Amino acid sequence: MAGGTVRQQSWRVAGLDCPDCVALVERSAREVPGVLEAHAELATGRLTATIDEATFAPDALLAATAEAATEVARAAEAAQP
């Protein structure tokens, strides 16, 4: 349950260029405290989240999505012959 003001916010996500990236970024964002919903869009390269301002920490979201992008990049490199 939300404890503060609930609103939507969007961010541009660099490297959001495949369906697996979208799924990983969404999953990572949803694990951040204060993120109630998260949706990443491949076509626009944006993450939109519904956040509870009382518990949301932007730095935690940035760290989680950066880590997700790094994981996707590592997986892509490993897949190359």
PDB file of N, CA and C in Angstrom:
ATOM      1  N   MET A   1       0.838  -1.181   0.000  1.00  0.00           N
ATOM      2  CA  MET A   1       0.000   0.000   0.000  1.00  0.00           C
ATOM      3  C   MET A   1       0.881   1.242   0.000  1.00  0.00           C
ATOM      4  N   ALA A   2       0.497   2.241  -0.748  1.00  0.00           N
ATOM      5  CA  ALA A   2       1.259   3.474  -0.858  1.00  0.00           C
ATOM      6  C   ALA A   2       1.108   4.310   0.404  1.00  0.00           C
ATOM      7  N   GLY A   3       2.216   4.956   0.813  1.00  0.00           N
ATOM      8  CA  GLY A   3       2.180   5.776   2.007  1.00  0.00           C
ATOM      9  C   GLY A   3       2.295   7.252   1.727  1.00  0.00           C
ATOM     10  N   GLY A   4       2.643   7.620   0.504  1.00  0.00           N
ATOM     11  CA  GLY A   4       2.818   9.023   0.151  1.00  0.00           C
ATOM     12  C   GLY A   4       2.084   9.331  -1.134  1.00  0.00           C
ATOM     13  N   THR A   5       2.522  10.381  -1.775  1.00  0.00           N
ATOM     14  CA  THR A   5       1.952  10.756  -3.056  1.00  0.00           C
ATOM     15  C   THR A   5       2.384   9.747  -4.112  1.00  0.00           C
ATOM     16  N   VAL A   6       1.425   9.254  -4.875  1.00  0.00           N
ATOM     17  CA  VAL A   6       1.703   8.293  -5.936  1.00  0.00           C
ATOM     18  C   VAL A   6       1.624   9.033  -7.267  1.00  0.00           C
ATOM     19  N   ARG A   7       2.656   8.842  -8.090  1.00  0.00           N
ATOM     20  CA  ARG A   7       2.672   9.492  -9.407  1.00  0.00           C
ATOM     21  C   ARG A   7       3.485   8.657 -10.383  1.00  0.00           C
ATOM     22  N   GLN A   8       3.354   9.004 -11.655  1.00  0.00           N
ATOM     23  CA  GLN A   8       4.147   8.340 -12.693  1.00  0.00           C
ATOM     24  C   GLN A   8       5.316   9.224 -13.081  1.00  0.00           C
ATOM     25  N   GLN A   9       6.427   8.576 -13.388  1.00  0.00           N
ATOM     26  CA  GLN A   9       7.607   9.277 -13.863  1.00  0.00           C
ATOM     27  C   GLN A   9       8.269   8.423 -14.935  1.00  0.00           C
ATOM     28  N   SER A  10       8.899   9.076 -15.900  1.00  0.00           N
ATOM     29  CA  SER A  10       9.570   8.354 -16.991  1.00  0.00           C
ATOM     30  C   SER A  10      11.033   8.742 -17.069  1.00  0.00           C
ATOM     31  N   TRP A  11      11.837   7.775 -17.511  1.00  0.00           N
ATOM     32  CA  TRP A  11      13.264   7.984 -17.712  1.00  0.00           C
ATOM     33  C   TRP A  11      13.666   7.355 -19.034  1.00  0.00           C
ATOM     34  N   ARG A  12      14.665   7.905 -19.662  1.00  0.00           N
ATOM     35  CA  ARG A  12      15.249   7.301 -20.855  1.00  0.00           C
ATOM     36  C   ARG A  12      16.262   6.270 -20.379  1.00  0.00           C
ATOM     37  N   VAL A  13      16.262   5.107 -21.003  1.00  0.00           N
ATOM     38  CA  VAL A  13      17.179   4.028 -20.630  1.00  0.00           C
ATOM     39  C   VAL A  13      18.075   3.722 -21.821  1.00  0.00           C
ATOM     40  N   ALA A  14      19.362   3.990 -21.663  1.00  0.00           N
ATOM     41  CA  ALA A  14      20.320   3.709 -22.730  1.00  0.00           C
ATOM     42  C   ALA A  14      20.468   2.205 -22.901  1.00  0.00           C
ATOM     43  N   GLY A  15      20.557   1.745 -24.142  1.00  0.00           N
ATOM     44  CA  GLY A  15      20.786   0.343 -24.422  1.00  0.00           C
ATOM     45  C   GLY A  15      19.554  -0.534 -24.351  1.00  0.00           C
ATOM     46  N   LEU A  16      18.395   0.054 -24.307  1.00  0.00           N
ATOM     47  CA  LEU A  16      17.151  -0.723 -24.264  1.00  0.00           C
ATOM     48  C   LEU A  16      16.804  -1.088 -25.699  1.00  0.00           C
ATOM     49  N   ASP A  17      17.411  -2.195 -26.182  1.00  0.00           N
ATOM     50  CA  ASP A  17      17.286  -2.490 -27.604  1.00  0.00           C
ATOM     51  C   ASP A  17      16.877  -3.923 -27.943  1.00  0.00           C
ATOM     52  N   CYS A  18      16.379  -4.658 -26.940  1.00  0.00           N
ATOM     53  CA  CYS A  18      15.884  -6.007 -27.226  1.00  0.00           C
ATOM     54  C   CYS A  18      14.825  -6.382 -26.188  1.00  0.00           C
ATOM     55  N   PRO A  19      13.967  -7.344 -26.523  1.00  0.00           N
ATOM     56  CA  PRO A  19      12.920  -7.751 -25.576  1.00  0.00           C
ATOM     57  C   PRO A  19      13.474  -8.263 -24.240  1.00  0.00           C
ATOM     58  N   ASP A  20      14.606  -8.953 -24.263  1.00  0.00           N
ATOM     59  CA  ASP A  20      15.203  -9.428 -23.014  1.00  0.00           C
ATOM     60  C   ASP A  20      15.647  -8.255 -22.137  1.00  0.00           C
ATOM     61  N   CYS A  21      16.176  -7.204 -22.775  1.00  0.00           N
ATOM     62  CA  CYS A  21      16.579  -5.995 -22.043  1.00  0.00           C
ATOM     63  C   CYS A  21      15.370  -5.367 -21.357  1.00  0.00           C
ATOM     64  N   VAL A  22      14.271  -5.278 -22.093  1.00  0.00           N
ATOM     65  CA  VAL A  22      13.038  -4.699 -21.561  1.00  0.00           C
ATOM     66  C   VAL A  22      12.584  -5.469 -20.329  1.00  0.00           C
ATOM     67  N   ALA A  23      12.540  -6.791 -20.433  1.00  0.00           N
ATOM     68  CA  ALA A  23      12.087  -7.622 -19.320  1.00  0.00           C
ATOM     69  C   ALA A  23      12.998  -7.473 -18.103  1.00  0.00           C
ATOM     70  N   LEU A  24      14.299  -7.447 -18.319  1.00  0.00           N
ATOM     71  CA  LEU A  24      15.241  -7.338 -17.211  1.00  0.00           C
ATOM     72  C   LEU A  24      15.149  -5.972 -16.538  1.00  0.00           C
ATOM     73  N   VAL A  25      15.039  -4.914 -17.317  1.00  0.00           N
ATOM     74  CA  VAL A  25      14.923  -3.568 -16.751  1.00  0.00           C
ATOM     75  C   VAL A  25      13.618  -3.434 -15.964  1.00  0.00           C
ATOM     76  N   GLU A  26      12.515  -3.945 -16.506  1.00  0.00           N
ATOM     77  CA  GLU A  26      11.242  -3.894 -15.786  1.00  0.00           C
ATOM     78  C   GLU A  26      11.331  -4.662 -14.468  1.00  0.00           C
ATOM     79  N   ARG A  27      11.872  -5.857 -14.524  1.00  0.00           N
ATOM     80  CA  ARG A  27      11.980  -6.687 -13.320  1.00  0.00           C
ATOM     81  C   ARG A  27      12.869  -6.002 -12.278  1.00  0.00           C
ATOM     82  N   SER A  28      13.981  -5.443 -12.714  1.00  0.00           N
ATOM     83  CA  SER A  28      14.891  -4.753 -11.799  1.00  0.00           C
ATOM     84  C   SER A  28      14.229  -3.532 -11.175  1.00  0.00           C
ATOM     85  N   ALA A  29      13.493  -2.785 -11.977  1.00  0.00           N
ATOM     86  CA  ALA A  29      12.822  -1.586 -11.474  1.00  0.00           C
ATOM     87  C   ALA A  29      11.761  -1.945 -10.441  1.00  0.00           C
ATOM     88  N   ARG A  30      11.030  -3.016 -10.681  1.00  0.00           N
ATOM     89  CA  ARG A  30       9.963  -3.424  -9.754  1.00  0.00           C
ATOM     90  C   ARG A  30      10.491  -3.852  -8.388  1.00  0.00           C
ATOM     91  N   GLU A  31      11.753  -4.217  -8.319  1.00  0.00           N
ATOM     92  CA  GLU A  31      12.350  -4.632  -7.048  1.00  0.00           C
ATOM     93  C   GLU A  31      12.780  -3.446  -6.185  1.00  0.00           C
ATOM     94  N   VAL A  32      12.780  -2.248  -6.748  1.00  0.00           N
ATOM     95  CA  VAL A  32      13.205  -1.059  -6.017  1.00  0.00           C
ATOM     96  C   VAL A  32      12.084  -0.613  -5.079  1.00  0.00           C
ATOM     97  N   PRO A  33      12.397  -0.386  -3.807  1.00  0.00           N
ATOM     98  CA  PRO A  33      11.375   0.100  -2.878  1.00  0.00           C
ATOM     99  C   PRO A  33      10.741   1.406  -3.387  1.00  0.00           C
ATOM    100  N   GLY A  34       9.435   1.467  -3.307  1.00  0.00           N
ATOM    101  CA  GLY A  34       8.713   2.650  -3.745  1.00  0.00           C
ATOM    102  C   GLY A  34       8.226   2.589  -5.181  1.00  0.00           C
ATOM    103  N   VAL A  35       8.701   1.597  -5.948  1.00  0.00           N
ATOM    104  CA  VAL A  35       8.206   1.414  -7.315  1.00  0.00           C
ATOM    105  C   VAL A  35       7.015   0.467  -7.248  1.00  0.00           C
ATOM    106  N   LEU A  36       5.850   0.979  -7.608  1.00  0.00           N
ATOM    107  CA  LEU A  36       4.627   0.193  -7.530  1.00  0.00           C
ATOM    108  C   LEU A  36       4.368  -0.568  -8.824  1.00  0.00           C
ATOM    109  N   GLU A  37       4.715   0.028  -9.947  1.00  0.00           N
ATOM    110  CA  GLU A  37       4.589  -0.579 -11.275  1.00  0.00           C
ATOM    111  C   GLU A  37       5.723  -0.050 -12.138  1.00  0.00           C
ATOM    112  N   ALA A  38       6.148  -0.836 -13.114  1.00  0.00           N
ATOM    113  CA  ALA A  38       7.187  -0.392 -14.045  1.00  0.00           C
ATOM    114  C   ALA A  38       6.924  -0.992 -15.414  1.00  0.00           C
ATOM    115  N   HIS A  39       7.092  -0.165 -16.436  1.00  0.00           N
ATOM    116  CA  HIS A  39       6.903  -0.618 -17.816  1.00  0.00           C
ATOM    117  C   HIS A  39       7.975   0.028 -18.681  1.00  0.00           C
ATOM    118  N   ALA A  40       8.767  -0.795 -19.331  1.00  0.00           N
ATOM    119  CA  ALA A  40       9.781  -0.304 -20.267  1.00  0.00           C
ATOM    120  C   ALA A  40       9.259  -0.518 -21.677  1.00  0.00           C
ATOM    121  N   GLU A  41       9.533   0.437 -22.543  1.00  0.00           N
ATOM    122  CA  GLU A  41       9.057   0.347 -23.920  1.00  0.00           C
ATOM    123  C   GLU A  41      10.240   0.335 -24.876  1.00  0.00           C
ATOM    124  N   LEU A  42      10.326  -0.741 -25.627  1.00  0.00           N
ATOM    125  CA  LEU A  42      11.417  -0.943 -26.564  1.00  0.00           C
ATOM    126  C   LEU A  42      11.464   0.154 -27.628  1.00  0.00           C
ATOM    127  N   ALA A  43      10.316   0.514 -28.183  1.00  0.00           N
ATOM    128  CA  ALA A  43      10.259   1.481 -29.283  1.00  0.00           C
ATOM    129  C   ALA A  43      10.762   2.868 -28.887  1.00  0.00           C
ATOM    130  N   THR A  44      10.519   3.268 -27.651  1.00  0.00           N
ATOM    131  CA  THR A  44      10.906   4.616 -27.219  1.00  0.00           C
ATOM    132  C   THR A  44      12.159   4.626 -26.356  1.00  0.00           C
ATOM    133  N   GLY A  45      12.552   3.461 -25.848  1.00  0.00           N
ATOM    134  CA  GLY A  45      13.711   3.396 -24.968  1.00  0.00           C
ATOM    135  C   GLY A  45      13.457   4.066 -23.629  1.00  0.00           C
ATOM    136  N   ARG A  46      12.209   4.018 -23.167  1.00  0.00           N
ATOM    137  CA  ARG A  46      11.846   4.691 -21.921  1.00  0.00           C
ATOM    138  C   ARG A  46      11.284   3.704 -20.901  1.00  0.00           C
ATOM    139  N   LEU A  47      11.549   4.003 -19.644  1.00  0.00           N
ATOM    140  CA  LEU A  47      10.983   3.283 -18.518  1.00  0.00           C
ATOM    141  C   LEU A  47      10.005   4.225 -17.834  1.00  0.00           C
ATOM    142  N   THR A  48       8.778   3.770 -17.664  1.00  0.00           N
ATOM    143  CA  THR A  48       7.769   4.542 -16.944  1.00  0.00           C
ATOM    144  C   THR A  48       7.409   3.750 -15.704  1.00  0.00           C
ATOM    145  N   ALA A  49       7.460   4.427 -14.555  1.00  0.00           N
ATOM    146  CA  ALA A  49       7.167   3.766 -13.290  1.00  0.00           C
ATOM    147  C   ALA A  49       6.141   4.567 -12.508  1.00  0.00           C
ATOM    148  N   THR A  50       5.285   3.845 -11.809  1.00  0.00           N
ATOM    149  CA  THR A  50       4.393   4.444 -10.836  1.00  0.00           C
ATOM    150  C   THR A  50       5.120   4.334  -9.505  1.00  0.00           C
ATOM    151  N   ILE A  51       5.353   5.482  -8.879  1.00  0.00           N
ATOM    152  CA  ILE A  51       6.168   5.505  -7.665  1.00  0.00           C
ATOM    153  C   ILE A  51       5.406   6.097  -6.488  1.00  0.00           C
ATOM    154  N   ASP A  52       5.773   5.625  -5.311  1.00  0.00           N
ATOM    155  CA  ASP A  52       5.293   6.175  -4.053  1.00  0.00           C
ATOM    156  C   ASP A  52       6.404   7.102  -3.562  1.00  0.00           C
ATOM    157  N   GLU A  53       6.154   8.399  -3.608  1.00  0.00           N
ATOM    158  CA  GLU A  53       7.207   9.362  -3.276  1.00  0.00           C
ATOM    159  C   GLU A  53       7.719   9.236  -1.843  1.00  0.00           C
ATOM    160  N   ALA A  54       6.928   8.667  -0.943  1.00  0.00           N
ATOM    161  CA  ALA A  54       7.348   8.532   0.453  1.00  0.00           C
ATOM    162  C   ALA A  54       8.466   7.509   0.616  1.00  0.00           C
ATOM    163  N   THR A  55       8.521   6.522  -0.268  1.00  0.00           N
ATOM    164  CA  THR A  55       9.513   5.449  -0.105  1.00  0.00           C
ATOM    165  C   THR A  55      10.459   5.290  -1.295  1.00  0.00           C
ATOM    166  N   PHE A  56      10.244   6.026  -2.366  1.00  0.00           N
ATOM    167  CA  PHE A  56      11.043   5.890  -3.586  1.00  0.00           C
ATOM    168  C   PHE A  56      12.360   6.654  -3.473  1.00  0.00           C
ATOM    169  N   ALA A  57      13.443   5.985  -3.875  1.00  0.00           N
ATOM    170  CA  ALA A  57      14.768   6.608  -3.929  1.00  0.00           C
ATOM    171  C   ALA A  57      15.269   6.538  -5.374  1.00  0.00           C
ATOM    172  N   PRO A  58      15.322   7.680  -6.055  1.00  0.00           N
ATOM    173  CA  PRO A  58      15.755   7.674  -7.458  1.00  0.00           C
ATOM    174  C   PRO A  58      17.114   7.008  -7.679  1.00  0.00           C
ATOM    175  N   ASP A  59      18.047   7.201  -6.760  1.00  0.00           N
ATOM    176  CA  ASP A  59      19.368   6.599  -6.919  1.00  0.00           C
ATOM    177  C   ASP A  59      19.296   5.072  -6.935  1.00  0.00           C
ATOM    178  N   ALA A  60      18.368   4.511  -6.165  1.00  0.00           N
ATOM    179  CA  ALA A  60      18.204   3.050  -6.144  1.00  0.00           C
ATOM    180  C   ALA A  60      17.693   2.550  -7.491  1.00  0.00           C
ATOM    181  N   LEU A  61      16.785   3.301  -8.102  1.00  0.00           N
ATOM    182  CA  LEU A  61      16.279   2.913  -9.421  1.00  0.00           C
ATOM    183  C   LEU A  61      17.380   3.015 -10.468  1.00  0.00           C
ATOM    184  N   LEU A  62      18.150   4.089 -10.426  1.00  0.00           N
ATOM    185  CA  LEU A  62      19.239   4.254 -11.392  1.00  0.00           C
ATOM    186  C   LEU A  62      20.262   3.131 -11.252  1.00  0.00           C
ATOM    187  N   ALA A  63      20.589   2.765 -10.028  1.00  0.00           N
ATOM    188  CA  ALA A  63      21.552   1.684  -9.804  1.00  0.00           C
ATOM    189  C   ALA A  63      20.992   0.351 -10.300  1.00  0.00           C
ATOM    190  N   ALA A  64      19.727   0.090 -10.020  1.00  0.00           N
ATOM    191  CA  ALA A  64      19.115  -1.184 -10.431  1.00  0.00           C
ATOM    192  C   ALA A  64      19.047  -1.309 -11.944  1.00  0.00           C
ATOM    193  N   THR A  65      18.673  -0.243 -12.631  1.00  0.00           N
ATOM    194  CA  THR A  65      18.565  -0.321 -14.088  1.00  0.00           C
ATOM    195  C   THR A  65      19.945  -0.343 -14.731  1.00  0.00           C
ATOM    196  N   ALA A  66      20.915   0.343 -14.146  1.00  0.00           N
ATOM    197  CA  ALA A  66      22.283   0.298 -14.673  1.00  0.00           C
ATOM    198  C   ALA A  66      22.842  -1.110 -14.534  1.00  0.00           C
ATOM    199  N   GLU A  67      22.588  -1.750 -13.403  1.00  0.00           N
ATOM    200  CA  GLU A  67      23.043  -3.120 -13.190  1.00  0.00           C
ATOM    201  C   GLU A  67      22.374  -4.064 -14.185  1.00  0.00           C
ATOM    202  N   ALA A  68      21.088  -3.862 -14.443  1.00  0.00           N
ATOM    203  CA  ALA A  68      20.361  -4.702 -15.405  1.00  0.00           C
ATOM    204  C   ALA A  68      20.957  -4.540 -16.793  1.00  0.00           C
ATOM    205  N   ALA A  69      21.272  -3.310 -17.193  1.00  0.00           N
ATOM    206  CA  ALA A  69      21.850  -3.059 -18.513  1.00  0.00           C
ATOM    207  C   ALA A  69      23.224  -3.723 -18.629  1.00  0.00           C
ATOM    208  N   THR A  70      23.989  -3.708 -17.547  1.00  0.00           N
ATOM    209  CA  THR A  70      25.304  -4.353 -17.545  1.00  0.00           C
ATOM    210  C   THR A  70      25.158  -5.858 -17.711  1.00  0.00           C
ATOM    211  N   GLU A  71      24.162  -6.446 -17.017  1.00  0.00           N
ATOM    212  CA  GLU A  71      23.933  -7.887 -17.146  1.00  0.00           C
ATOM    213  C   GLU A  71      23.572  -8.252 -18.575  1.00  0.00           C
ATOM    214  N   VAL A  72      22.735  -7.445 -19.220  1.00  0.00           N
ATOM    215  CA  VAL A  72      22.344  -7.712 -20.599  1.00  0.00           C
ATOM    216  C   VAL A  72      23.550  -7.589 -21.521  1.00  0.00           C
ATOM    217  N   ALA A  73      24.384  -6.577 -21.295  1.00  0.00           N
ATOM    218  CA  ALA A  73      25.572  -6.389 -22.119  1.00  0.00           C
ATOM    219  C   ALA A  73      26.528  -7.573 -21.986  1.00  0.00           C
ATOM    220  N   ARG A  74      26.714  -8.053 -20.745  1.00  0.00           N
ATOM    221  CA  ARG A  74      27.594  -9.213 -20.529  1.00  0.00           C
ATOM    222  C   ARG A  74      27.042 -10.454 -21.241  1.00  0.00           C
ATOM    223  N   ALA A  75      25.738 -10.641 -21.179  1.00  0.00           N
ATOM    224  CA  ALA A  75      25.129 -11.800 -21.824  1.00  0.00           C
ATOM    225  C   ALA A  75      25.295 -11.731 -23.348  1.00  0.00           C
ATOM    226  N   ALA A  76      25.157 -10.539 -23.907  1.00  0.00           N
ATOM    227  CA  ALA A  76      25.323 -10.370 -25.347  1.00  0.00           C
ATOM    228  C   ALA A  76      26.754 -10.657 -25.768  1.00  0.00           C
ATOM    229  N   GLU A  77      27.709 -10.205 -24.975  1.00  0.00           N
ATOM    230  CA  GLU A  77      29.129 -10.451 -25.290  1.00  0.00           C
ATOM    231  C   GLU A  77      29.440 -11.943 -25.216  1.00  0.00           C
ATOM    232  N   ALA A  78      28.893 -12.619 -24.231  1.00  0.00           N
ATOM    233  CA  ALA A  78      29.145 -14.047 -24.075  1.00  0.00           C
ATOM    234  C   ALA A  78      28.548 -14.866 -25.221  1.00  0.00           C
ATOM    235  N   ALA A  79      27.493 -14.355 -25.827  1.00  0.00           N
ATOM    236  CA  ALA A  79      26.820 -15.068 -26.911  1.00  0.00           C
ATOM    237  C   ALA A  79      27.562 -14.947 -28.238  1.00  0.00           C
ATOM    238  N   GLN A  80      28.458 -13.973 -28.331  1.00  0.00           N
ATOM    239  CA  GLN A  80      29.189 -13.781 -29.588  1.00  0.00           C
ATOM    240  C   GLN A  80      30.278 -14.838 -29.719  1.00  0.00           C
ATOM    241  N   PRO A  81      30.475 -15.341 -30.952  1.00  0.00           N
ATOM    242  CA  PRO A  81      31.511 -16.378 -31.159  1.00  0.00           C
ATOM    243  C   PRO A  81      32.911 -15.825 -31.036  1.00  0.00           C
TER     244      PRO A  81
END
